[in-house]
C-alpha atoms as a PDB file:
ATOM      1  CA  MET A   1    -110.403  72.109 -64.286  1.00  0.00           C
ATOM      2  CA  GLN A   2    -107.064  70.721 -63.151  1.00  0.00           C
ATOM      3  CA  GLU A   3    -106.113  74.094 -61.702  1.00  0.00           C
ATOM      4  CA  ARG A   4    -109.343  74.212 -59.708  1.00  0.00           C
ATOM      5  CA  LYS A   5    -108.623  70.804 -58.210  1.00  0.00           C
ATOM      6  CA  LYS A   6    -105.142  71.952 -57.229  1.00  0.00           C
ATOM      7  CA  ARG A   7    -106.549  75.033 -55.501  1.00  0.00           C
ATOM      8  CA  ALA A   8    -109.171  72.937 -53.680  1.00  0.00           C
ATOM      9  CA  LEU A   9    -106.528  70.447 -52.588  1.00  0.00           C
ATOM     10  CA  ALA A  10    -104.247  73.251 -51.391  1.00  0.00           C
ATOM     11  CA  GLY A  11    -107.140  74.748 -49.455  1.00  0.00           C
ATOM     12  CA  PHE A  12    -107.862  71.409 -47.825  1.00  0.00           C
ATOM     13  CA  PHE A  13    -104.244  70.988 -46.740  1.00  0.00           C
ATOM     14  CA  PHE A  14    -104.209  74.560 -45.398  1.00  0.00           C
ATOM     15  CA  ILE A  15    -107.284  73.920 -43.267  1.00  0.00           C
ATOM     16  CA  PHE A  16    -105.884  70.571 -42.114  1.00  0.00           C
ATOM     17  CA  ALA A  17    -102.559  72.182 -41.169  1.00  0.00           C
ATOM     18  CA  PHE A  18    -104.347  75.011 -39.315  1.00  0.00           C
ATOM     19  CA  PHE A  19    -106.401  72.635 -37.179  1.00  0.00           C
ATOM     20  CA  SER A  20    -103.381  70.400 -36.570  1.00  0.00           C
ATOM     21  CA  ILE A  21    -101.409  73.394 -35.252  1.00  0.00           C
ATOM     22  CA  LEU A  22    -104.389  74.479 -33.126  1.00  0.00           C
ATOM     23  CA  LEU A  23    -104.750  70.994 -31.659  1.00  0.00           C
ATOM     24  CA  ALA A  24    -101.016  70.803 -30.947  1.00  0.00           C
ATOM     25  CA  TYR A  25    -101.235  74.166 -29.177  1.00  0.00           C
ATOM     26  CA  LEU A  26    -104.117  72.999 -27.021  1.00  0.00           C
ATOM     27  CA  LEU A  27    -102.329  69.781 -26.165  1.00  0.00           C
ATOM     28  CA  PHE A  28     -98.787  71.012 -25.615  1.00  0.00           C
ATOM     29  CA  ALA A  29     -98.630  74.806 -25.296  1.00  0.00           C
ATOM     30  CA  SER A  30    -101.829  75.902 -23.572  1.00  0.00           C
ATOM     31  CA  PRO A  31    -101.686  76.006 -19.773  1.00  0.00           C
ATOM     32  CA  GLY A  32    -104.160  73.642 -18.202  1.00  0.00           C
ATOM     33  CA  LEU A  33    -104.281  71.300 -15.241  1.00  0.00           C
ATOM     34  CA  LYS A  34    -101.817  71.339 -12.376  1.00  0.00           C
ATOM     35  CA  PHE A  35    -101.592  69.542  -9.029  1.00  0.00           C
ATOM     36  CA  GLU A  36    -100.796  71.670  -5.970  1.00  0.00           C
ATOM     37  CA  TYR A  37    -100.130  71.018  -2.286  1.00  0.00           C
ATOM     38  CA  ILE A  38    -101.919  73.449   0.026  1.00  0.00           C
ATOM     39  CA  GLU A  39    -101.647  72.963   3.790  1.00  0.00           C
ATOM     40  CA  GLY A  40    -100.684  69.335   3.293  1.00  0.00           C
ATOM     41  CA  LYS A  41    -103.690  68.587   1.073  1.00  0.00           C
ATOM     42  CA  LEU A  42    -103.730  67.722  -2.624  1.00  0.00           C
ATOM     43  CA  TYR A  43    -105.644  69.934  -5.074  1.00  0.00           C
ATOM     44  CA  LEU A  44    -106.106  70.105  -8.829  1.00  0.00           C
ATOM     45  CA  LYS A  45    -106.027  73.592 -10.348  1.00  0.00           C
ATOM     46  CA  ASN A  46    -107.229  74.931 -13.687  1.00  0.00           C
ATOM     47  CA  GLU A  47    -104.426  77.277 -14.749  1.00  0.00           C
ATOM     48  CA  SER A  48    -105.990  78.167 -18.082  1.00  0.00           C
ATOM     49  CA  SER A  49    -108.274  81.080 -18.986  1.00  0.00           C
ATOM     50  CA  HIS A  50    -111.081  78.752 -20.103  1.00  0.00           C
ATOM     51  CA  VAL A  51    -113.322  76.145 -18.548  1.00  0.00           C
ATOM     52  CA  ILE A  52    -112.019  72.568 -18.586  1.00  0.00           C
ATOM     53  CA  GLU A  53    -114.606  69.783 -18.659  1.00  0.00           C
ATOM     54  CA  ASP A  54    -114.715  66.026 -18.184  1.00  0.00           C
ATOM     55  CA  ILE A  55    -111.618  65.715 -15.996  1.00  0.00           C
ATOM     56  CA  GLN A  56    -110.662  62.251 -14.862  1.00  0.00           C
ATOM     57  CA  ILE A  57    -108.360  61.502 -11.923  1.00  0.00           C
ATOM     58  CA  MET A  58    -106.698  58.099 -11.932  1.00  0.00           C
ATOM     59  CA  SER A  59    -103.676  56.268 -10.581  1.00  0.00           C
ATOM     60  CA  ASP A  60    -100.908  54.786 -12.699  1.00  0.00           C
ATOM     61  CA  ASP A  61    -102.491  51.325 -12.457  1.00  0.00           C
ATOM     62  CA  GLY A  62    -105.511  52.637 -14.384  1.00  0.00           C
ATOM     63  CA  SER A  63    -108.012  52.724 -11.520  1.00  0.00           C
ATOM     64  CA  ILE A  64    -110.250  55.812 -11.400  1.00  0.00           C
ATOM     65  CA  ILE A  65    -110.078  57.904  -8.234  1.00  0.00           C
ATOM     66  CA  ASP A  66    -112.416  60.788  -9.098  1.00  0.00           C
ATOM     67  CA  CYS A  67    -114.233  62.546 -11.949  1.00  0.00           C
ATOM     68  CA  ILE A  68    -114.632  66.327 -12.109  1.00  0.00           C
ATOM     69  CA  PRO A  69    -117.380  67.480 -14.515  1.00  0.00           C
ATOM     70  CA  ILE A  70    -116.152  71.063 -14.777  1.00  0.00           C
ATOM     71  CA  LEU A  71    -113.298  73.197 -13.459  1.00  0.00           C
ATOM     72  CA  ARG A  72    -113.362  76.954 -14.027  1.00  0.00           C
ATOM     73  CA  PRO A  73    -110.286  79.178 -14.542  1.00  0.00           C
ATOM     74  CA  ASN A  74    -108.106  79.362 -11.380  1.00  0.00           C
ATOM     75  CA  GLU A  75    -110.542  77.071  -9.551  1.00  0.00           C
ATOM     76  CA  LEU A  76    -109.175  74.436  -7.159  1.00  0.00           C
ATOM     77  CA  GLU A  77    -110.675  71.014  -6.531  1.00  0.00           C
ATOM     78  CA  ARG A  78    -109.636  68.951  -3.496  1.00  0.00           C
ATOM     79  CA  ILE A  79    -108.476  65.439  -4.376  1.00  0.00           C
ATOM     80  CA  ILE A  80    -109.161  62.811  -1.712  1.00  0.00           C
ATOM     81  CA  LEU A  81    -106.822  59.871  -2.111  1.00  0.00           C
ATOM     82  CA  PRO A  82    -107.781  56.390  -0.905  1.00  0.00           C
ATOM     83  CA  GLU A  83    -105.335  54.960   1.621  1.00  0.00           C
ATOM     84  CA  GLU A  84    -104.043  52.371  -0.864  1.00  0.00           C
ATOM     85  CA  LYS A  85    -103.218  55.102  -3.436  1.00  0.00           C
ATOM     86  CA  ARG A  86    -100.962  57.155  -1.170  1.00  0.00           C
ATOM     87  CA  ASN A  87     -97.842  55.694  -2.710  1.00  0.00           C
ATOM     88  CA  SER A  88     -98.381  55.964  -6.458  1.00  0.00           C
ATOM     89  CA  VAL A  89     -98.476  58.293  -9.479  1.00  0.00           C
ATOM     90  CA  ILE A  90    -101.715  60.299  -9.779  1.00  0.00           C
ATOM     91  CA  ILE A  91    -102.818  61.495 -13.233  1.00  0.00           C
ATOM     92  CA  ALA A  92    -105.379  64.150 -14.222  1.00  0.00           C
ATOM     93  CA  SER A  93    -106.588  64.138 -17.824  1.00  0.00           C
ATOM     94  CA  ALA A  94    -109.174  66.017 -19.902  1.00  0.00           C
ATOM     95  CA  PRO A  95    -109.957  66.114 -23.644  1.00  0.00           C
ATOM     96  CA  PHE A  96    -107.557  68.361 -25.630  1.00  0.00           C
ATOM     97  CA  HIS A  97    -105.343  69.082 -22.604  1.00  0.00           C
ATOM     98  CA  ARG A  98    -102.027  67.792 -21.414  1.00  0.00           C
ATOM     99  CA  GLU A  99    -102.059  65.292 -18.579  1.00  0.00           C
ATOM    100  CA  ALA A 100    -100.995  66.489 -15.142  1.00  0.00           C
ATOM    101  CA  LYS A 101     -99.025  63.997 -13.064  1.00  0.00           C
ATOM    102  CA  ILE A 102     -97.745  63.893  -9.514  1.00  0.00           C
ATOM    103  CA  ARG A 103     -95.957  61.175  -7.562  1.00  0.00           C
ATOM    104  CA  ILE A 104     -97.326  60.560  -4.083  1.00  0.00           C
ATOM    105  CA  SER A 105     -94.957  58.712  -1.763  1.00  0.00           C
ATOM    106  CA  GLN A 106     -93.943  58.340   1.851  1.00  0.00           C
ATOM    107  CA  ASN A 107     -90.746  60.213   0.979  1.00  0.00           C
ATOM    108  CA  ILE A 108     -92.805  63.342   0.294  1.00  0.00           C
ATOM    109  CA  ALA A 109     -94.498  63.090   3.687  1.00  0.00           C
ATOM    110  CA  GLU A 110     -91.206  62.526   5.500  1.00  0.00           C
ATOM    111  CA  ALA A 111     -89.619  65.513   3.735  1.00  0.00           C
ATOM    112  CA  ALA A 112     -92.606  67.737   4.581  1.00  0.00           C
ATOM    113  CA  LEU A 113     -93.009  66.639   8.215  1.00  0.00           C
ATOM    114  CA  GLN A 114     -90.003  65.815  10.358  1.00  0.00           C
ATOM    115  CA  LEU A 115     -90.385  64.424  13.884  1.00  0.00           C
ATOM    116  CA  LYS A 116     -88.065  64.102  16.872  1.00  0.00           C
ATOM    117  CA  ALA A 117     -88.908  62.686  20.305  1.00  0.00           C
ATOM    118  CA  ARG A 118     -87.135  62.588  23.684  1.00  0.00           C
ATOM    119  CA  HIS A 119     -88.132  61.775  27.251  1.00  0.00           C
ATOM    120  CA  GLU A 120     -87.184  62.293  30.855  1.00  0.00           C
ATOM    121  CA  LYS A 121     -86.125  59.395  33.067  1.00  0.00           C
ATOM    122  CA  ALA A 122     -89.061  57.092  33.808  1.00  0.00           C
ATOM    123  CA  ILE A 123     -89.416  55.598  37.313  1.00  0.00           C
ATOM    124  CA  VAL A 124     -92.318  53.524  38.632  1.00  0.00           C
ATOM    125  CA  GLY A 125     -94.863  55.601  40.560  1.00  0.00           C
ATOM    126  CA  LYS A 126     -93.525  58.944  39.327  1.00  0.00           C
ATOM    127  CA  LYS A 127     -94.489  61.369  36.611  1.00  0.00           C
ATOM    128  CA  PHE A 128     -92.189  62.090  33.699  1.00  0.00           C
ATOM    129  CA  LYS A 129     -92.429  64.018  30.434  1.00  0.00           C
ATOM    130  CA  VAL A 130     -92.081  63.063  26.783  1.00  0.00           C
ATOM    131  CA  PHE A 131     -91.407  65.769  24.211  1.00  0.00           C
ATOM    132  CA  LEU A 132     -92.368  65.649  20.550  1.00  0.00           C
ATOM    133  CA  GLU A 133     -90.870  68.150  18.092  1.00  0.00           C
ATOM    134  CA  ILE A 134     -92.743  68.633  14.814  1.00  0.00           C
ATOM    135  CA  CYS A 135     -91.037  70.499  11.967  1.00  0.00           C
ATOM    136  CA  ASN A 136     -93.106  71.723   9.020  1.00  0.00           C
ATOM    137  CA  ARG A 137     -90.773  71.959   6.011  1.00  0.00           C
ATOM    138  CA  THR A 138     -93.440  73.100   3.562  1.00  0.00           C
ATOM    139  CA  LYS A 139     -94.218  76.672   2.483  1.00  0.00           C
ATOM    140  CA  GLU A 140     -97.712  76.495   3.941  1.00  0.00           C
ATOM    141  CA  LYS A 141     -99.087  76.631   7.468  1.00  0.00           C
ATOM    142  CA  LEU A 142    -100.280  73.118   8.375  1.00  0.00           C
ATOM    143  CA  LEU A 143    -103.135  72.058  10.624  1.00  0.00           C
ATOM    144  CA  LEU A 144    -101.991  68.721  12.020  1.00  0.00           C
ATOM    145  CA  GLN A 145    -103.672  65.859  13.823  1.00  0.00           C
ATOM    146  CA  VAL A 146    -101.315  64.351  16.402  1.00  0.00           C
ATOM    147  CA  ARG A 147    -102.293  60.904  17.656  1.00  0.00           C
ATOM    148  CA  GLU A 148    -100.444  59.414  20.657  1.00  0.00           C
ATOM    149  CA  GLU A 149    -100.681  55.719  21.548  1.00  0.00           C
ATOM    150  CA  HIS A 150     -99.117  53.605  24.317  1.00  0.00           C
ATOM    151  CA  GLU A 151     -99.590  50.412  26.310  1.00  0.00           C
ATOM    152  CA  LYS A 152    -102.001  51.116  29.169  1.00  0.00           C
ATOM    153  CA  SER A 153    -100.375  48.515  31.402  1.00  0.00           C
ATOM    154  CA  PHE A 154     -97.218  50.631  31.592  1.00  0.00           C
ATOM    155  CA  LEU A 155     -98.611  54.186  31.654  1.00  0.00           C
ATOM    156  CA  LYS A 156    -101.555  55.488  33.670  1.00  0.00           C
ATOM    157  CA  GLU A 157    -102.813  58.156  31.262  1.00  0.00           C
ATOM    158  CA  GLU A 158    -105.241  57.493  28.392  1.00  0.00           C
ATOM    159  CA  PRO A 159    -103.944  57.790  24.801  1.00  0.00           C
ATOM    160  CA  LYS A 160    -105.086  61.025  23.201  1.00  0.00           C
ATOM    161  CA  THR A 161    -105.386  62.850  19.914  1.00  0.00           C
ATOM    162  CA  ILE A 162    -104.964  66.603  19.540  1.00  0.00           C
ATOM    163  CA  VAL A 163    -104.927  69.138  16.692  1.00  0.00           C
ATOM    164  CA  VAL A 164    -102.144  71.706  16.401  1.00  0.00           C
ATOM    165  CA  SER A 165    -101.035  74.221  13.788  1.00  0.00           C
ATOM    166  CA  VAL A 166     -97.420  74.665  12.730  1.00  0.00           C
ATOM    167  CA  LYS A 167     -96.328  77.666  10.663  1.00  0.00           C
ATOM    168  CA  GLU A 168     -94.538  77.252   7.368  1.00  0.00           C
ATOM    169  CA  ASP A 169     -90.894  76.219   7.597  1.00  0.00           C
ATOM    170  CA  SER A 170     -90.911  76.181  11.401  1.00  0.00           C
ATOM    171  CA  CYS A 171     -91.000  73.751  14.335  1.00  0.00           C
ATOM    172  CA  LYS A 172     -93.195  73.261  17.401  1.00  0.00           C
ATOM    173  CA  GLU A 173     -92.522  71.171  20.506  1.00  0.00           C
ATOM    174  CA  LEU A 174     -95.327  69.375  22.328  1.00  0.00           C
ATOM    175  CA  SER A 175     -95.067  68.135  25.914  1.00  0.00           C
ATOM    176  CA  TYR A 176     -96.814  65.026  27.282  1.00  0.00           C
ATOM    177  CA  GLU A 177     -96.884  64.004  30.950  1.00  0.00           C
ATOM    178  CA  PHE A 178     -97.129  60.342  31.957  1.00  0.00           C
ATOM    179  CA  THR A 179     -97.138  58.291  35.156  1.00  0.00           C
ATOM    180  CA  ALA A 180     -95.140  55.051  35.080  1.00  0.00           C
ATOM    181  CA  LEU A 181     -97.031  52.039  36.503  1.00  0.00           C
ATOM    182  CA  ARG A 182     -94.512  49.213  36.373  1.00  0.00           C
ATOM    183  CA  GLU A 183     -90.985  48.294  35.413  1.00  0.00           C
ATOM    184  CA  GLY A 184     -90.115  47.140  31.923  1.00  0.00           C
ATOM    185  CA  SER A 185     -89.623  48.237  28.334  1.00  0.00           C
ATOM    186  CA  THR A 186     -92.391  49.825  26.321  1.00  0.00           C
ATOM    187  CA  SER A 187     -92.855  52.514  23.687  1.00  0.00           C
ATOM    188  CA  ILE A 188     -94.969  55.521  22.790  1.00  0.00           C
ATOM    189  CA  VAL A 189     -96.008  56.030  19.168  1.00  0.00           C
ATOM    190  CA  PHE A 190     -96.814  59.460  17.738  1.00  0.00           C
ATOM    191  CA  SER A 191     -98.618  59.694  14.373  1.00  0.00           C
ATOM    192  CA  VAL A 192     -98.856  63.113  12.739  1.00  0.00           C
ATOM    193  CA  SER A 193    -101.076  63.695   9.715  1.00  0.00           C
ATOM    194  CA  SER A 194    -102.475  66.429   7.496  1.00  0.00           C
ATOM    195  CA  GLY A 195    -104.414  65.454   4.406  1.00  0.00           C
ATOM    196  CA  PHE A 196    -102.436  62.768   2.593  1.00  0.00           C
ATOM    197  CA  LEU A 197     -99.305  63.546   4.610  1.00  0.00           C
ATOM    198  CA  GLU A 198     -98.743  61.132   7.481  1.00  0.00           C
ATOM    199  CA  VAL A 199     -95.590  60.272   9.398  1.00  0.00           C
ATOM    200  CA  SER A 200     -94.964  58.532  12.707  1.00  0.00           C
ATOM    201  CA  ILE A 201     -92.233  58.068  15.264  1.00  0.00           C
ATOM    202  CA  ARG A 202     -91.730  55.637  18.139  1.00  0.00           C
ATOM    203  CA  GLU A 203     -90.068  56.610  21.390  1.00  0.00           C
ATOM    204  CA  ASP A 204     -88.780  53.596  23.320  1.00  0.00           C
ATOM    205  CA  LEU A 205     -88.925  53.723  27.128  1.00  0.00           C
ATOM    206  CA  LYS A 206     -87.200  51.722  29.832  1.00  0.00           C
ATOM    207  CA  ILE A 207     -89.052  52.163  33.106  1.00  0.00           C
ATOM    208  CA  GLY A 208     -86.948  51.632  36.211  1.00  0.00           C
ATOM    209  CA  GLY A 209     -87.883  50.604  39.759  1.00  0.00           C
ATOM    210  CA  ARG A 210     -88.605  52.910  42.636  1.00  0.00           C
END
């Protein structure tokens, strides 16, 4: 009778140990969720060979950003970040899987998109050009929205927004033509964005007399 109890107890511990090892594998060894940047946008990928369910996306302050009911193997899900969460740690979690984390910050955007601006001499009543160089330092081709803004009292042209593509690890220069209306100091602001990436640069102008 005592021997039977010992065998039953040993069997229980064997089963317990087996499921503990299996759970540890699922939590720490099995591939699962991973954040990826693609063309300046944030995605969550299922890197495992099985379906992952009940995925929750949240920020490090505990607020929930999104819920994904199901993510199939190698499937990508776009993550749309609220403006106020674009400088925080984003966490993806699902039952029996390791958490995936990524830090979103302005430093990432500035490292991915680098801007330089220069301009010709500005004189009242004459046209001059402003040049904007955009360098894409990522490994993906980026489709970028370029928004230009200026004070209308100084420059005749209307502010405008355009969309351009910049190949991976390369630069593109844009040219803008303006007509100076009056003397004084002003500035032109360029804002470049793609997904959660957004950087801006200000080019200061001193407009001279005729």
